[in-house]
Amino acid sequence: MWASVAGAATAYGEEISCAPVEITPGPTPADERVRDYPPVFEACDNGDESRLAIRRMNVDGEALLLTVDPQSLQTSLERAACWRCEETSDAAQAETRYLKALHPTQDSARPPALVNAGLIQGAGDGAFVTGDLCPTHKPLDRAFFEKLAAQGPHTPVALAVSGAWLAHHRADFAWLREKARTGALAITWASHSYSHPYVAGLPDRQNYFLRPGVDVDREIFETEKLIIAEGATPSVFFRFPGLVADSALLEHIRDRHLIPLGADSWLALGLRPRPGSIVLVHPNGNEPVGIKLFSRLMDTGAMPRPLRPLNEAR
């Protein structure tokens, strides 16, 4: 039963809050807490606001939606009872900022490539700092985040989280969430797959998500479910492992209403940032050279300013 944003009635006549939902982490496994997780694309309205729903789910017995503001690209978890939704299409939403970011016009100066497809540079000045949390047993580089937080309150950073990293670094993830909760950082949570498939020595076209047998939907959805169960909200961004994807993979990700995220300044590869750069580092402990370069660029003033949230890149 639908009601206004102030509150919605349950089947028993009780009023529930229609504010965005915050999930409290707990010991119960994510797949037991977050169930019935189909991809959808629905236009939703609550009388005062409009959203696009891209996932439905049941969390701890409550029906929720993962919604996107079609103009700001901000995501939120919402109670399904508070919204009236109907199926929509990419064509029907084509004029929204979200769909324009999802299906950008092909840049003639940038032909299709196997590596680094998708969004690699933003509009305007400054830089968009992103960090990949690939699976590893190494500790989180907390000093990197402290340096970011020292730039001022709500310093933006986008973190591409792999589910396998999160499953083994819950304390580190909780520490990051606390940085976001206190306003030290403004974190955009992107997905970086669950298992991050990779075999050393194989060429890119036979590696990562192009390995035989990779279940792309499982890699996407299991990571999103884990992020939700650990108290955060997935964004509309997805970064392929190795930044490697062919046209079929790009189409599949966009069919799931996720924006492929690349980077034109992977610091450890020597790619210097310029105004509008999407900067890539690995604060998971796997690539300290990139972290050192980031620190040097910040200290010398060579990093383009201001640091901007990824939602502004398109």
C-alpha atoms as a PDB file:
ATOM      1  CA  MET A   1       0.000   0.000   0.000  1.00  0.00           C
ATOM      2  CA  TRP A   2       1.386   3.373  -1.041  1.00  0.00           C
ATOM      3  CA  ALA A   3       1.351   6.609   0.957  1.00  0.00           C
ATOM      4  CA  SER A   4       3.191   9.941   0.988  1.00  0.00           C
ATOM      5  CA  VAL A   5       6.859  10.434   1.782  1.00  0.00           C
ATOM      6  CA  ALA A   6       6.063  11.188   5.409  1.00  0.00           C
ATOM      7  CA  GLY A   7       5.023   7.618   6.050  1.00  0.00           C
ATOM      8  CA  ALA A   8       3.429   4.543   4.576  1.00  0.00           C
ATOM      9  CA  ALA A   9       0.982   2.110   6.091  1.00  0.00           C
ATOM     10  CA  THR A  10       1.778  -1.560   6.500  1.00  0.00           C
ATOM     11  CA  ALA A  11      -0.791  -4.304   6.020  1.00  0.00           C
ATOM     12  CA  TYR A  12      -1.532  -3.970   9.735  1.00  0.00           C
ATOM     13  CA  GLY A  13      -2.210  -0.240   9.533  1.00  0.00           C
ATOM     14  CA  GLU A  14       1.070   0.738  11.200  1.00  0.00           C
ATOM     15  CA  GLU A  15       2.920   3.776   9.871  1.00  0.00           C
ATOM     16  CA  ILE A  16       6.513   3.323   8.750  1.00  0.00           C
ATOM     17  CA  SER A  17       9.184   5.885   7.945  1.00  0.00           C
ATOM     18  CA  CYS A  18       9.736   6.688   4.300  1.00  0.00           C
ATOM     19  CA  ALA A  19      13.230   8.099   4.795  1.00  0.00           C
ATOM     20  CA  PRO A  20      16.080   6.343   2.964  1.00  0.00           C
ATOM     21  CA  VAL A  21      16.957   3.071   4.666  1.00  0.00           C
ATOM     22  CA  GLU A  22      20.233   2.475   6.488  1.00  0.00           C
ATOM     23  CA  ILE A  23      21.161  -1.160   7.000  1.00  0.00           C
ATOM     24  CA  THR A  24      22.961  -2.155  10.201  1.00  0.00           C
ATOM     25  CA  PRO A  25      25.763  -4.670   9.631  1.00  0.00           C
ATOM     26  CA  GLY A  26      25.520  -7.926  11.529  1.00  0.00           C
ATOM     27  CA  PRO A  27      26.977 -11.442  11.752  1.00  0.00           C
ATOM     28  CA  THR A  28      24.328 -13.039   9.504  1.00  0.00           C
ATOM     29  CA  PRO A  29      25.742 -13.835   6.026  1.00  0.00           C
ATOM     30  CA  ALA A  30      24.765 -11.380   3.289  1.00  0.00           C
ATOM     31  CA  ASP A  31      22.958 -13.986   1.192  1.00  0.00           C
ATOM     32  CA  GLU A  32      20.700 -14.750   4.149  1.00  0.00           C
ATOM     33  CA  ARG A  33      19.922 -11.083   4.801  1.00  0.00           C
ATOM     34  CA  VAL A  34      19.620  -9.787   1.224  1.00  0.00           C
ATOM     35  CA  ARG A  35      17.325 -12.030  -0.819  1.00  0.00           C
ATOM     36  CA  ASP A  36      15.194 -11.918  -3.979  1.00  0.00           C
ATOM     37  CA  TYR A  37      17.505  -9.494  -5.775  1.00  0.00           C
ATOM     38  CA  PRO A  38      16.324  -9.073  -9.382  1.00  0.00           C
ATOM     39  CA  PRO A  39      17.455  -6.285 -11.695  1.00  0.00           C
ATOM     40  CA  VAL A  40      14.557  -4.016 -12.647  1.00  0.00           C
ATOM     41  CA  PHE A  41      14.085  -0.690 -14.359  1.00  0.00           C
ATOM     42  CA  GLU A  42      11.106   1.161 -12.966  1.00  0.00           C
ATOM     43  CA  ALA A  43       9.976   4.763 -12.736  1.00  0.00           C
ATOM     44  CA  CYS A  44       8.939   5.442  -9.143  1.00  0.00           C
ATOM     45  CA  ASP A  45       7.053   8.315  -7.536  1.00  0.00           C
ATOM     46  CA  ASN A  46       6.073   9.047  -3.955  1.00  0.00           C
ATOM     47  CA  GLY A  47       4.037  12.192  -4.521  1.00  0.00           C
ATOM     48  CA  ASP A  48       6.944  14.556  -3.891  1.00  0.00           C
ATOM     49  CA  GLU A  49       9.944  12.954  -5.577  1.00  0.00           C
ATOM     50  CA  SER A  50      10.784  10.725  -8.538  1.00  0.00           C
ATOM     51  CA  ARG A  51      13.401   8.002  -8.745  1.00  0.00           C
ATOM     52  CA  LEU A  52      14.422   5.166 -11.040  1.00  0.00           C
ATOM     53  CA  ALA A  53      14.592   1.748  -9.376  1.00  0.00           C
ATOM     54  CA  ILE A  54      17.306  -0.585 -10.710  1.00  0.00           C
ATOM     55  CA  ARG A  55      17.056  -3.404  -8.120  1.00  0.00           C
ATOM     56  CA  ARG A  56      14.346  -4.898  -5.944  1.00  0.00           C
ATOM     57  CA  MET A  57      15.252  -6.903  -2.870  1.00  0.00           C
ATOM     58  CA  ASN A  58      14.150  -8.247   0.461  1.00  0.00           C
ATOM     59  CA  VAL A  59      16.445  -7.230   3.328  1.00  0.00           C
ATOM     60  CA  ASP A  60      15.795  -8.739   6.744  1.00  0.00           C
ATOM     61  CA  GLY A  61      12.230  -9.438   5.620  1.00  0.00           C
ATOM     62  CA  GLU A  62      11.488  -5.942   4.293  1.00  0.00           C
ATOM     63  CA  ALA A  63      10.889  -5.102   0.612  1.00  0.00           C
ATOM     64  CA  LEU A  64      13.366  -2.452  -0.546  1.00  0.00           C
ATOM     65  CA  LEU A  65      14.395  -0.717  -3.761  1.00  0.00           C
ATOM     66  CA  LEU A  66      17.818   0.435  -4.915  1.00  0.00           C
ATOM     67  CA  THR A  67      16.946   3.736  -6.551  1.00  0.00           C
ATOM     68  CA  VAL A  68      18.795   6.350  -8.607  1.00  0.00           C
ATOM     69  CA  ASP A  69      18.082  10.052  -8.788  1.00  0.00           C
ATOM     70  CA  PRO A  70      17.995  10.440 -12.607  1.00  0.00           C
ATOM     71  CA  GLN A  71      19.598  13.889 -12.485  1.00  0.00           C
ATOM     72  CA  SER A  72      22.147  13.704  -9.647  1.00  0.00           C
ATOM     73  CA  LEU A  73      22.967   9.957 -10.086  1.00  0.00           C
ATOM     74  CA  GLN A  74      22.793   9.588  -6.298  1.00  0.00           C
ATOM     75  CA  THR A  75      21.592   6.162  -5.160  1.00  0.00           C
ATOM     76  CA  SER A  76      19.544   5.284  -2.101  1.00  0.00           C
ATOM     77  CA  LEU A  77      17.824   2.312  -0.509  1.00  0.00           C
ATOM     78  CA  GLU A  78      14.105   2.986  -0.208  1.00  0.00           C
ATOM     79  CA  ARG A  79      11.151   1.103   1.245  1.00  0.00           C
ATOM     80  CA  ALA A  80       9.061  -0.284  -1.602  1.00  0.00           C
ATOM     81  CA  ALA A  81       5.884   0.479   0.357  1.00  0.00           C
ATOM     82  CA  CYS A  82       6.614   4.208   0.068  1.00  0.00           C
ATOM     83  CA  TRP A  83       6.775   4.360  -3.726  1.00  0.00           C
ATOM     84  CA  ARG A  84       4.472   3.765  -6.649  1.00  0.00           C
ATOM     85  CA  CYS A  85       6.523   2.179  -9.458  1.00  0.00           C
ATOM     86  CA  GLU A  86       5.915   1.036 -12.998  1.00  0.00           C
ATOM     87  CA  GLU A  87       8.206  -0.527 -15.566  1.00  0.00           C
ATOM     88  CA  THR A  88      10.062   1.929 -17.787  1.00  0.00           C
ATOM     89  CA  SER A  89      12.695   1.762 -20.542  1.00  0.00           C
ATOM     90  CA  ASP A  90      15.967   3.363 -21.536  1.00  0.00           C
ATOM     91  CA  ALA A  91      14.170   5.061 -24.419  1.00  0.00           C
ATOM     92  CA  ALA A  92      11.577   6.581 -22.079  1.00  0.00           C
ATOM     93  CA  GLN A  93      14.334   7.944 -19.804  1.00  0.00           C
ATOM     94  CA  ALA A  94      16.732   8.932 -22.602  1.00  0.00           C
ATOM     95  CA  GLU A  95      16.719  12.639 -21.748  1.00  0.00           C
ATOM     96  CA  THR A  96      17.739  12.133 -18.123  1.00  0.00           C
ATOM     97  CA  ARG A  97      21.317  12.783 -17.104  1.00  0.00           C
ATOM     98  CA  TYR A  98      21.563   9.183 -15.875  1.00  0.00           C
ATOM     99  CA  LEU A  99      20.722   7.628 -19.231  1.00  0.00           C
ATOM    100  CA  LYS A 100      22.981  10.049 -21.084  1.00  0.00           C
ATOM    101  CA  ALA A 101      25.829   8.932 -18.807  1.00  0.00           C
ATOM    102  CA  LEU A 102      24.864   5.292 -19.284  1.00  0.00           C
ATOM    103  CA  HIS A 103      24.781   5.570 -23.088  1.00  0.00           C
ATOM    104  CA  PRO A 104      27.274   8.312 -23.997  1.00  0.00           C
ATOM    105  CA  THR A 105      27.870   9.428 -27.556  1.00  0.00           C
ATOM    106  CA  GLN A 106      30.837   7.563 -29.028  1.00  0.00           C
ATOM    107  CA  ASP A 107      33.950   9.748 -29.133  1.00  0.00           C
ATOM    108  CA  SER A 108      35.314   9.540 -32.698  1.00  0.00           C
ATOM    109  CA  ALA A 109      38.805  10.264 -31.369  1.00  0.00           C
ATOM    110  CA  ARG A 110      38.592   7.228 -29.095  1.00  0.00           C
ATOM    111  CA  PRO A 111      37.899   4.021 -31.028  1.00  0.00           C
ATOM    112  CA  PRO A 112      36.508   0.974 -29.179  1.00  0.00           C
ATOM    113  CA  ALA A 113      39.221  -0.817 -27.220  1.00  0.00           C
ATOM    114  CA  LEU A 114      39.498  -3.918 -25.045  1.00  0.00           C
ATOM    115  CA  VAL A 115      41.156  -2.015 -22.200  1.00  0.00           C
ATOM    116  CA  ASN A 116      39.833   1.049 -20.385  1.00  0.00           C
ATOM    117  CA  ALA A 117      36.422   1.333 -22.010  1.00  0.00           C
ATOM    118  CA  GLY A 118      33.713   3.406 -20.380  1.00  0.00           C
ATOM    119  CA  LEU A 119      34.020   6.640 -18.443  1.00  0.00           C
ATOM    120  CA  ILE A 120      37.701   7.615 -18.263  1.00  0.00           C
ATOM    121  CA  GLN A 121      37.567  11.407 -17.911  1.00  0.00           C
ATOM    122  CA  GLY A 122      35.107  13.834 -16.439  1.00  0.00           C
ATOM    123  CA  ALA A 123      33.974  17.233 -17.561  1.00  0.00           C
ATOM    124  CA  GLY A 124      35.526  20.407 -16.201  1.00  0.00           C
ATOM    125  CA  ASP A 125      38.422  21.059 -13.856  1.00  0.00           C
ATOM    126  CA  GLY A 126      39.742  19.142 -10.896  1.00  0.00           C
ATOM    127  CA  ALA A 127      40.190  15.407 -10.509  1.00  0.00           C
ATOM    128  CA  PHE A 128      38.021  12.420  -9.614  1.00  0.00           C
ATOM    129  CA  VAL A 129      39.941  10.175  -7.206  1.00  0.00           C
ATOM    130  CA  THR A 130      39.083   6.470  -7.365  1.00  0.00           C
ATOM    131  CA  GLY A 131      40.571   3.526  -5.505  1.00  0.00           C
ATOM    132  CA  ASP A 132      40.272  -0.171  -6.331  1.00  0.00           C
ATOM    133  CA  LEU A 133      39.914  -2.701  -3.542  1.00  0.00           C
ATOM    134  CA  CYS A 134      40.857  -5.908  -5.340  1.00  0.00           C
ATOM    135  CA  PRO A 135      41.094  -9.174  -3.355  1.00  0.00           C
ATOM    136  CA  THR A 136      44.193  -9.289  -1.170  1.00  0.00           C
ATOM    137  CA  HIS A 137      45.282 -10.339   2.294  1.00  0.00           C
ATOM    138  CA  LYS A 138      47.201  -7.088   2.761  1.00  0.00           C
ATOM    139  CA  PRO A 139      45.788  -4.453   5.128  1.00  0.00           C
ATOM    140  CA  LEU A 140      43.995  -1.353   3.892  1.00  0.00           C
ATOM    141  CA  ASP A 141      46.296   1.644   3.422  1.00  0.00           C
ATOM    142  CA  ARG A 142      44.551   3.805   5.999  1.00  0.00           C
ATOM    143  CA  ALA A 143      47.201   6.530   5.701  1.00  0.00           C
ATOM    144  CA  PHE A 144      46.005   7.201   2.145  1.00  0.00           C
ATOM    145  CA  PHE A 145      42.488   7.893   3.406  1.00  0.00           C
ATOM    146  CA  GLU A 146      43.752  10.014   6.282  1.00  0.00           C
ATOM    147  CA  LYS A 147      45.638  12.155   3.763  1.00  0.00           C
ATOM    148  CA  LEU A 148      42.458  12.533   1.724  1.00  0.00           C
ATOM    149  CA  ALA A 149      40.428  13.440   4.824  1.00  0.00           C
ATOM    150  CA  ALA A 150      43.026  16.076   5.739  1.00  0.00           C
ATOM    151  CA  GLN A 151      42.014  18.016   2.596  1.00  0.00           C
ATOM    152  CA  GLY A 152      38.822  19.073   4.357  1.00  0.00           C
ATOM    153  CA  PRO A 153      35.416  17.700   5.351  1.00  0.00           C
ATOM    154  CA  HIS A 154      33.529  15.488   2.895  1.00  0.00           C
ATOM    155  CA  THR A 155      36.519  14.954   0.613  1.00  0.00           C
ATOM    156  CA  PRO A 156      35.153  12.832  -2.240  1.00  0.00           C
ATOM    157  CA  VAL A 157      36.569   9.456  -3.246  1.00  0.00           C
ATOM    158  CA  ALA A 158      35.037   6.579  -5.206  1.00  0.00           C
ATOM    159  CA  LEU A 159      35.971   3.067  -4.076  1.00  0.00           C
ATOM    160  CA  ALA A 160      35.544   0.116  -6.438  1.00  0.00           C
ATOM    161  CA  VAL A 161      34.997  -2.763  -4.015  1.00  0.00           C
ATOM    162  CA  SER A 162      35.434  -6.424  -4.853  1.00  0.00           C
ATOM    163  CA  GLY A 163      33.230  -8.751  -2.841  1.00  0.00           C
ATOM    164  CA  ALA A 164      36.140 -11.067  -2.027  1.00  0.00           C
ATOM    165  CA  TRP A 165      38.059  -8.100  -0.547  1.00  0.00           C
ATOM    166  CA  LEU A 166      35.094  -7.045   1.558  1.00  0.00           C
ATOM    167  CA  ALA A 167      34.428 -10.581   2.793  1.00  0.00           C
ATOM    168  CA  HIS A 168      37.926 -10.656   4.327  1.00  0.00           C
ATOM    169  CA  HIS A 169      38.222  -6.998   5.381  1.00  0.00           C
ATOM    170  CA  ARG A 170      35.022  -6.248   7.258  1.00  0.00           C
ATOM    171  CA  ALA A 171      36.873  -4.217   9.899  1.00  0.00           C
ATOM    172  CA  ASP A 172      38.539  -2.093   7.217  1.00  0.00           C
ATOM    173  CA  PHE A 173      35.178  -1.573   5.511  1.00  0.00           C
ATOM    174  CA  ALA A 174      33.603  -0.564   8.824  1.00  0.00           C
ATOM    175  CA  TRP A 175      36.459   1.922   9.341  1.00  0.00           C
ATOM    176  CA  LEU A 176      35.751   3.423   5.916  1.00  0.00           C
ATOM    177  CA  ARG A 177      32.020   3.641   6.638  1.00  0.00           C
ATOM    178  CA  GLU A 178      32.807   5.487   9.843  1.00  0.00           C
ATOM    179  CA  LYS A 179      34.888   7.995   7.872  1.00  0.00           C
ATOM    180  CA  ALA A 180      31.844   8.538   5.671  1.00  0.00           C
ATOM    181  CA  ARG A 181      29.417   8.718   8.610  1.00  0.00           C
ATOM    182  CA  THR A 182      31.436  11.404  10.383  1.00  0.00           C
ATOM    183  CA  GLY A 183      31.793  13.465   7.201  1.00  0.00           C
ATOM    184  CA  ALA A 184      35.559  13.071   6.928  1.00  0.00           C
ATOM    185  CA  LEU A 185      35.091  11.470   3.499  1.00  0.00           C
ATOM    186  CA  ALA A 186      32.269  11.391   0.960  1.00  0.00           C
ATOM    187  CA  ILE A 187      32.533   7.854  -0.418  1.00  0.00           C
ATOM    188  CA  THR A 188      30.912   6.598  -3.617  1.00  0.00           C
ATOM    189  CA  TRP A 189      30.722   2.791  -3.434  1.00  0.00           C
ATOM    190  CA  ALA A 190      31.257   1.172  -6.838  1.00  0.00           C
ATOM    191  CA  SER A 191      31.359  -2.536  -7.628  1.00  0.00           C
ATOM    192  CA  HIS A 192      34.571  -4.170  -8.846  1.00  0.00           C
ATOM    193  CA  SER A 193      33.114  -7.706  -9.239  1.00  0.00           C
ATOM    194  CA  TYR A 194      33.100 -10.378  -6.548  1.00  0.00           C
ATOM    195  CA  SER A 195      35.997 -12.700  -7.355  1.00  0.00           C
ATOM    196  CA  HIS A 196      38.043 -10.415  -9.642  1.00  0.00           C
ATOM    197  CA  PRO A 197      39.004 -13.309 -11.948  1.00  0.00           C
ATOM    198  CA  TYR A 198      42.595 -13.138 -13.167  1.00  0.00           C
ATOM    199  CA  VAL A 199      45.266 -15.614 -14.281  1.00  0.00           C
ATOM    200  CA  ALA A 200      48.827 -14.308 -14.406  1.00  0.00           C
ATOM    201  CA  GLY A 201      50.434 -14.580 -17.813  1.00  0.00           C
ATOM    202  CA  LEU A 202      47.269 -14.836 -19.879  1.00  0.00           C
ATOM    203  CA  PRO A 203      46.642 -12.118 -22.500  1.00  0.00           C
ATOM    204  CA  ASP A 204      43.859  -9.666 -21.736  1.00  0.00           C
ATOM    205  CA  ARG A 205      41.464 -11.100 -24.332  1.00  0.00           C
ATOM    206  CA  GLN A 206      41.535 -14.433 -22.474  1.00  0.00           C
ATOM    207  CA  ASN A 207      41.630 -13.036 -18.959  1.00  0.00           C
ATOM    208  CA  TYR A 208      39.533 -11.276 -16.307  1.00  0.00           C
ATOM    209  CA  PHE A 209      35.821 -11.301 -17.241  1.00  0.00           C
ATOM    210  CA  LEU A 210      36.725 -12.806 -20.627  1.00  0.00           C
ATOM    211  CA  ARG A 211      37.703 -16.068 -18.918  1.00  0.00           C
ATOM    212  CA  PRO A 212      35.371 -18.969 -19.781  1.00  0.00           C
ATOM    213  CA  GLY A 213      32.647 -19.602 -17.243  1.00  0.00           C
ATOM    214  CA  VAL A 214      32.532 -16.183 -15.587  1.00  0.00           C
ATOM    215  CA  ASP A 215      28.978 -15.533 -14.314  1.00  0.00           C
ATOM    216  CA  VAL A 216      28.760 -11.793 -14.857  1.00  0.00           C
ATOM    217  CA  ASP A 217      25.455 -11.310 -13.040  1.00  0.00           C
ATOM    218  CA  ARG A 218      26.693 -13.200 -10.006  1.00  0.00           C
ATOM    219  CA  GLU A 219      29.860 -11.084  -9.955  1.00  0.00           C
ATOM    220  CA  ILE A 220      27.713  -7.928 -10.003  1.00  0.00           C
ATOM    221  CA  PHE A 221      24.855  -8.842  -7.706  1.00  0.00           C
ATOM    222  CA  GLU A 222      26.735 -10.741  -4.998  1.00  0.00           C
ATOM    223  CA  THR A 223      29.029  -7.751  -4.538  1.00  0.00           C
ATOM    224  CA  GLU A 224      26.118  -5.300  -4.383  1.00  0.00           C
ATOM    225  CA  LYS A 225      24.337  -7.518  -1.846  1.00  0.00           C
ATOM    226  CA  LEU A 226      27.438  -7.671   0.328  1.00  0.00           C
ATOM    227  CA  ILE A 227      27.900  -3.887   0.200  1.00  0.00           C
ATOM    228  CA  ILE A 228      24.264  -3.475   1.280  1.00  0.00           C
ATOM    229  CA  ALA A 229      24.537  -6.039   4.088  1.00  0.00           C
ATOM    230  CA  GLU A 230      27.613  -4.208   5.394  1.00  0.00           C
ATOM    231  CA  GLY A 231      25.701  -0.936   5.699  1.00  0.00           C
ATOM    232  CA  ALA A 232      26.555   0.966   2.503  1.00  0.00           C
ATOM    233  CA  THR A 233      24.680   1.751  -0.715  1.00  0.00           C
ATOM    234  CA  PRO A 234      26.013   0.675  -4.123  1.00  0.00           C
ATOM    235  CA  SER A 235      26.383   3.410  -6.716  1.00  0.00           C
ATOM    236  CA  VAL A 236      25.649   3.232 -10.452  1.00  0.00           C
ATOM    237  CA  PHE A 237      29.335   2.702 -11.294  1.00  0.00           C
ATOM    238  CA  PHE A 238      31.071  -0.586 -12.118  1.00  0.00           C
ATOM    239  CA  ARG A 239      34.762  -1.054 -12.776  1.00  0.00           C
ATOM    240  CA  PHE A 240      35.817  -4.160 -14.686  1.00  0.00           C
ATOM    241  CA  PRO A 241      38.727  -6.163 -13.253  1.00  0.00           C
ATOM    242  CA  GLY A 242      41.845  -5.072 -15.112  1.00  0.00           C
ATOM    243  CA  LEU A 243      39.675  -2.454 -16.846  1.00  0.00           C
ATOM    244  CA  VAL A 244      39.230  -5.141 -19.524  1.00  0.00           C
ATOM    245  CA  ALA A 245      35.905  -5.639 -21.336  1.00  0.00           C
ATOM    246  CA  ASP A 246      34.707  -6.351 -24.855  1.00  0.00           C
ATOM    247  CA  SER A 247      31.592  -4.849 -26.445  1.00  0.00           C
ATOM    248  CA  ALA A 248      29.343  -7.682 -25.220  1.00  0.00           C
ATOM    249  CA  LEU A 249      30.445  -7.156 -21.607  1.00  0.00           C
ATOM    250  CA  LEU A 250      29.913  -3.411 -21.869  1.00  0.00           C
ATOM    251  CA  GLU A 251      26.413  -3.986 -23.204  1.00  0.00           C
ATOM    252  CA  HIS A 252      25.664  -6.462 -20.406  1.00  0.00           C
ATOM    253  CA  ILE A 253      26.780  -4.021 -17.706  1.00  0.00           C
ATOM    254  CA  ARG A 254      24.712  -1.232 -19.229  1.00  0.00           C
ATOM    255  CA  ASP A 255      21.711  -3.585 -19.426  1.00  0.00           C
ATOM    256  CA  ARG A 256      22.071  -3.825 -15.639  1.00  0.00           C
ATOM    257  CA  HIS A 257      22.022  -0.010 -15.571  1.00  0.00           C
ATOM    258  CA  LEU A 258      25.616   0.367 -14.427  1.00  0.00           C
ATOM    259  CA  ILE A 259      28.069   2.896 -15.859  1.00  0.00           C
ATOM    260  CA  PRO A 260      31.410   1.301 -16.827  1.00  0.00           C
ATOM    261  CA  LEU A 261      34.238   3.128 -15.083  1.00  0.00           C
ATOM    262  CA  GLY A 262      37.743   3.415 -16.493  1.00  0.00           C
ATOM    263  CA  ALA A 263      40.562   5.850 -15.709  1.00  0.00           C
ATOM    264  CA  ASP A 264      42.797   8.074 -17.808  1.00  0.00           C
ATOM    265  CA  SER A 265      45.294   8.440 -14.963  1.00  0.00           C
ATOM    266  CA  TRP A 266      46.299   5.070 -13.488  1.00  0.00           C
ATOM    267  CA  LEU A 267      49.140   6.515 -11.455  1.00  0.00           C
ATOM    268  CA  ALA A 268      51.193   3.334 -11.060  1.00  0.00           C
ATOM    269  CA  LEU A 269      51.320   3.056 -14.860  1.00  0.00           C
ATOM    270  CA  GLY A 270      52.807   6.548 -15.136  1.00  0.00           C
ATOM    271  CA  LEU A 271      49.672   8.239 -16.485  1.00  0.00           C
ATOM    272  CA  ARG A 272      49.835  11.790 -15.159  1.00  0.00           C
ATOM    273  CA  PRO A 273      46.530  13.453 -14.215  1.00  0.00           C
ATOM    274  CA  ARG A 274      45.190  16.475 -16.076  1.00  0.00           C
ATOM    275  CA  PRO A 275      42.058  18.576 -15.487  1.00  0.00           C
ATOM    276  CA  GLY A 276      39.037  16.266 -15.428  1.00  0.00           C
ATOM    277  CA  SER A 277      41.093  13.099 -14.942  1.00  0.00           C
ATOM    278  CA  ILE A 278      39.668  10.013 -13.302  1.00  0.00           C
ATOM    279  CA  VAL A 279      42.628   9.008 -11.144  1.00  0.00           C
ATOM    280  CA  LEU A 280      43.161   5.351 -10.206  1.00  0.00           C
ATOM    281  CA  VAL A 281      45.127   4.065  -7.215  1.00  0.00           C
ATOM    282  CA  HIS A 282      45.019   0.812  -5.217  1.00  0.00           C
ATOM    283  CA  PRO A 283      44.728   1.539  -1.480  1.00  0.00           C
ATOM    284  CA  ASN A 284      44.331  -2.197  -0.802  1.00  0.00           C
ATOM    285  CA  GLY A 285      48.098  -2.539  -0.294  1.00  0.00           C
ATOM    286  CA  ASN A 286      48.810  -4.097  -3.685  1.00  0.00           C
ATOM    287  CA  GLU A 287      50.244  -1.064  -5.476  1.00  0.00           C
ATOM    288  CA  PRO A 288      52.200   1.195  -3.084  1.00  0.00           C
ATOM    289  CA  VAL A 289      53.950   3.007  -5.938  1.00  0.00           C
ATOM    290  CA  GLY A 290      50.636   4.546  -7.017  1.00  0.00           C
ATOM    291  CA  ILE A 291      49.894   5.688  -3.463  1.00  0.00           C
ATOM    292  CA  LYS A 292      53.341   7.311  -3.191  1.00  0.00           C
ATOM    293  CA  LEU A 293      52.812   9.103  -6.505  1.00  0.00           C
ATOM    294  CA  PHE A 294      49.406  10.323  -5.348  1.00  0.00           C
ATOM    295  CA  SER A 295      50.929  11.707  -2.156  1.00  0.00           C
ATOM    296  CA  ARG A 296      53.673  13.457  -4.103  1.00  0.00           C
ATOM    297  CA  LEU A 297      51.191  14.989  -6.555  1.00  0.00           C
ATOM    298  CA  MET A 298      49.085  16.266  -3.675  1.00  0.00           C
ATOM    299  CA  ASP A 299      52.058  17.679  -1.783  1.00  0.00           C
ATOM    300  CA  THR A 300      53.509  19.459  -4.823  1.00  0.00           C
ATOM    301  CA  GLY A 301      50.189  20.861  -6.033  1.00  0.00           C
ATOM    302  CA  ALA A 302      50.391  18.863  -9.266  1.00  0.00           C
ATOM    303  CA  MET A 303      47.094  17.085  -8.649  1.00  0.00           C
ATOM    304  CA  PRO A 304      44.320  19.029 -10.405  1.00  0.00           C
ATOM    305  CA  ARG A 305      41.953  20.692  -7.930  1.00  0.00           C
ATOM    306  CA  PRO A 306      39.340  20.558  -6.634  1.00  0.00           C
ATOM    307  CA  LEU A 307      38.837  16.887  -5.878  1.00  0.00           C
ATOM    308  CA  ARG A 308      35.321  16.179  -7.122  1.00  0.00           C
ATOM    309  CA  PRO A 309      32.685  13.482  -6.559  1.00  0.00           C
ATOM    310  CA  LEU A 310      32.380  10.908  -9.320  1.00  0.00           C
ATOM    311  CA  ASN A 311      28.675  11.692  -9.821  1.00  0.00           C
ATOM    312  CA  GLU A 312      29.786  14.988 -11.376  1.00  0.00           C
ATOM    313  CA  ALA A 313      31.988  13.350 -14.010  1.00  0.00           C
ATOM    314  CA  ARG A 314      29.212  13.141 -16.630  1.00  0.00           C
END
